[in-house]
Structure formats: structure tokens, C-alpha cells
Amino acid sequence: MATQRTTTKTLKNPAPVPVEPTQCQPCGGSGNVAITVRVGRKRRPVGQQDGLCLNCLGSGTDPDA
């Protein structure tokens, strides 16, 4: 029968500390941006509605970081 090892090896490369992702600039980290709603023949603005941020696709994190 083989002898059992009683000591443990030390890690050569410890796990890196996770870095917090930065917020997306256009939406401010919310994932939604305000889109102006236009109506009529002259396309006058009447209000705003929430839309999906096309920079981060709704995740709220900066895709370039």
C-alpha cells in the first residue's frame, strides 16, 4: 500500500482578485436610455420612453473595459 502525503502544496499562482466592471457611459449603468418620441407630420417631440442601451446591450457594464 502506498504512503499518503500529509502536506499540501502551496499555490504558485494565486487566484486573481476580481475587478469590478466599470459603468457604461451612455446609460450610467442602468441599461436603459431615454428615447424621444416624435409624432405628427412635422415630427414634433411629445415625450420620452425607455429604450435598451445599444452600447452595453442592457447589461450596464462598459464593454470596452
C-alpha atoms as a PDB file:
ATOM      1  CA  MET A   1       0.000   0.000   0.000  1.00  0.00           C
ATOM      2  CA  ALA A   2       1.300   3.477  -0.921  1.00  0.00           C
ATOM      3  CA  THR A   3       2.032   6.059   1.719  1.00  0.00           C
ATOM      4  CA  GLN A   4      -0.249   9.072   1.908  1.00  0.00           C
ATOM      5  CA  ARG A   5       1.033  12.597   1.598  1.00  0.00           C
ATOM      6  CA  THR A   6       0.202  14.665   4.655  1.00  0.00           C
ATOM      7  CA  THR A   7       1.386  18.099   3.490  1.00  0.00           C
ATOM      8  CA  THR A   8      -0.314  20.282   0.938  1.00  0.00           C
ATOM      9  CA  LYS A   9       1.328  22.153  -1.893  1.00  0.00           C
ATOM     10  CA  THR A  10       1.354  25.936  -1.882  1.00  0.00           C
ATOM     11  CA  LEU A  11      -0.241  27.623  -4.876  1.00  0.00           C
ATOM     12  CA  LYS A  12       2.277  29.059  -7.305  1.00  0.00           C
ATOM     13  CA  ASN A  13      -0.229  31.418  -8.934  1.00  0.00           C
ATOM     14  CA  PRO A  14      -2.956  32.507  -6.521  1.00  0.00           C
ATOM     15  CA  ALA A  15      -6.357  33.372  -7.982  1.00  0.00           C
ATOM     16  CA  PRO A  16      -6.525  36.998  -9.181  1.00  0.00           C
ATOM     17  CA  VAL A  17      -8.736  39.401  -7.308  1.00  0.00           C
ATOM     18  CA  PRO A  18     -11.872  40.067  -9.411  1.00  0.00           C
ATOM     19  CA  VAL A  19     -12.045  43.614 -10.739  1.00  0.00           C
ATOM     20  CA  GLU A  20     -15.375  45.412 -10.568  1.00  0.00           C
ATOM     21  CA  PRO A  21     -16.609  46.306 -14.055  1.00  0.00           C
ATOM     22  CA  THR A  22     -16.991  49.986 -14.872  1.00  0.00           C
ATOM     23  CA  GLN A  23     -20.358  51.521 -15.678  1.00  0.00           C
ATOM     24  CA  CYS A  24     -21.446  52.191 -19.230  1.00  0.00           C
ATOM     25  CA  GLN A  25     -21.189  55.912 -20.069  1.00  0.00           C
ATOM     26  CA  PRO A  26     -24.376  56.463 -22.169  1.00  0.00           C
ATOM     27  CA  CYS A  27     -26.761  54.752 -19.744  1.00  0.00           C
ATOM     28  CA  GLY A  28     -24.897  55.341 -16.475  1.00  0.00           C
ATOM     29  CA  GLY A  29     -25.030  51.640 -15.577  1.00  0.00           C
ATOM     30  CA  SER A  30     -28.822  51.283 -15.689  1.00  0.00           C
ATOM     31  CA  GLY A  31     -29.005  49.590 -19.102  1.00  0.00           C
ATOM     32  CA  ASN A  32     -31.784  51.969 -20.229  1.00  0.00           C
ATOM     33  CA  VAL A  33     -31.561  55.242 -22.140  1.00  0.00           C
ATOM     34  CA  ALA A  34     -34.273  57.839 -22.756  1.00  0.00           C
ATOM     35  CA  ILE A  35     -35.515  57.920 -26.352  1.00  0.00           C
ATOM     36  CA  THR A  36     -37.534  60.895 -27.587  1.00  0.00           C
ATOM     37  CA  VAL A  37     -40.946  60.014 -29.011  1.00  0.00           C
ATOM     38  CA  ARG A  38     -41.916  62.069 -32.074  1.00  0.00           C
ATOM     39  CA  VAL A  39     -45.395  62.332 -33.581  1.00  0.00           C
ATOM     40  CA  GLY A  40     -47.151  64.148 -36.370  1.00  0.00           C
ATOM     41  CA  ARG A  41     -46.255  65.252 -39.833  1.00  0.00           C
ATOM     42  CA  LYS A  42     -43.666  67.727 -38.555  1.00  0.00           C
ATOM     43  CA  ARG A  43     -42.263  65.086 -36.168  1.00  0.00           C
ATOM     44  CA  ARG A  44     -42.608  67.173 -33.014  1.00  0.00           C
ATOM     45  CA  PRO A  45     -41.328  65.639 -29.755  1.00  0.00           C
ATOM     46  CA  VAL A  46     -44.053  64.781 -27.239  1.00  0.00           C
ATOM     47  CA  GLY A  47     -42.217  62.782 -24.580  1.00  0.00           C
ATOM     48  CA  GLN A  48     -39.630  60.157 -23.801  1.00  0.00           C
ATOM     49  CA  GLN A  49     -39.647  56.435 -23.275  1.00  0.00           C
ATOM     50  CA  ASP A  50     -37.049  53.988 -22.020  1.00  0.00           C
ATOM     51  CA  GLY A  51     -35.037  52.069 -24.566  1.00  0.00           C
ATOM     52  CA  LEU A  52     -32.285  49.468 -24.449  1.00  0.00           C
ATOM     53  CA  CYS A  53     -28.756  50.875 -24.381  1.00  0.00           C
ATOM     54  CA  LEU A  54     -27.065  49.834 -27.615  1.00  0.00           C
ATOM     55  CA  ASN A  55     -23.578  50.336 -26.220  1.00  0.00           C
ATOM     56  CA  CYS A  56     -23.787  47.719 -23.452  1.00  0.00           C
ATOM     57  CA  LEU A  57     -26.958  45.900 -24.655  1.00  0.00           C
ATOM     58  CA  GLY A  58     -28.691  46.365 -21.301  1.00  0.00           C
ATOM     59  CA  SER A  59     -26.010  44.902 -19.062  1.00  0.00           C
ATOM     60  CA  GLY A  60     -24.920  48.275 -17.637  1.00  0.00           C
ATOM     61  CA  THR A  61     -21.218  47.454 -17.800  1.00  0.00           C
ATOM     62  CA  ASP A  62     -18.681  49.057 -20.105  1.00  0.00           C
ATOM     63  CA  PRO A  63     -17.934  46.625 -22.979  1.00  0.00           C
ATOM     64  CA  ASP A  64     -14.520  48.232 -23.658  1.00  0.00           C
ATOM     65  CA  ALA A  65     -13.176  47.683 -20.138  1.00  0.00           C
END
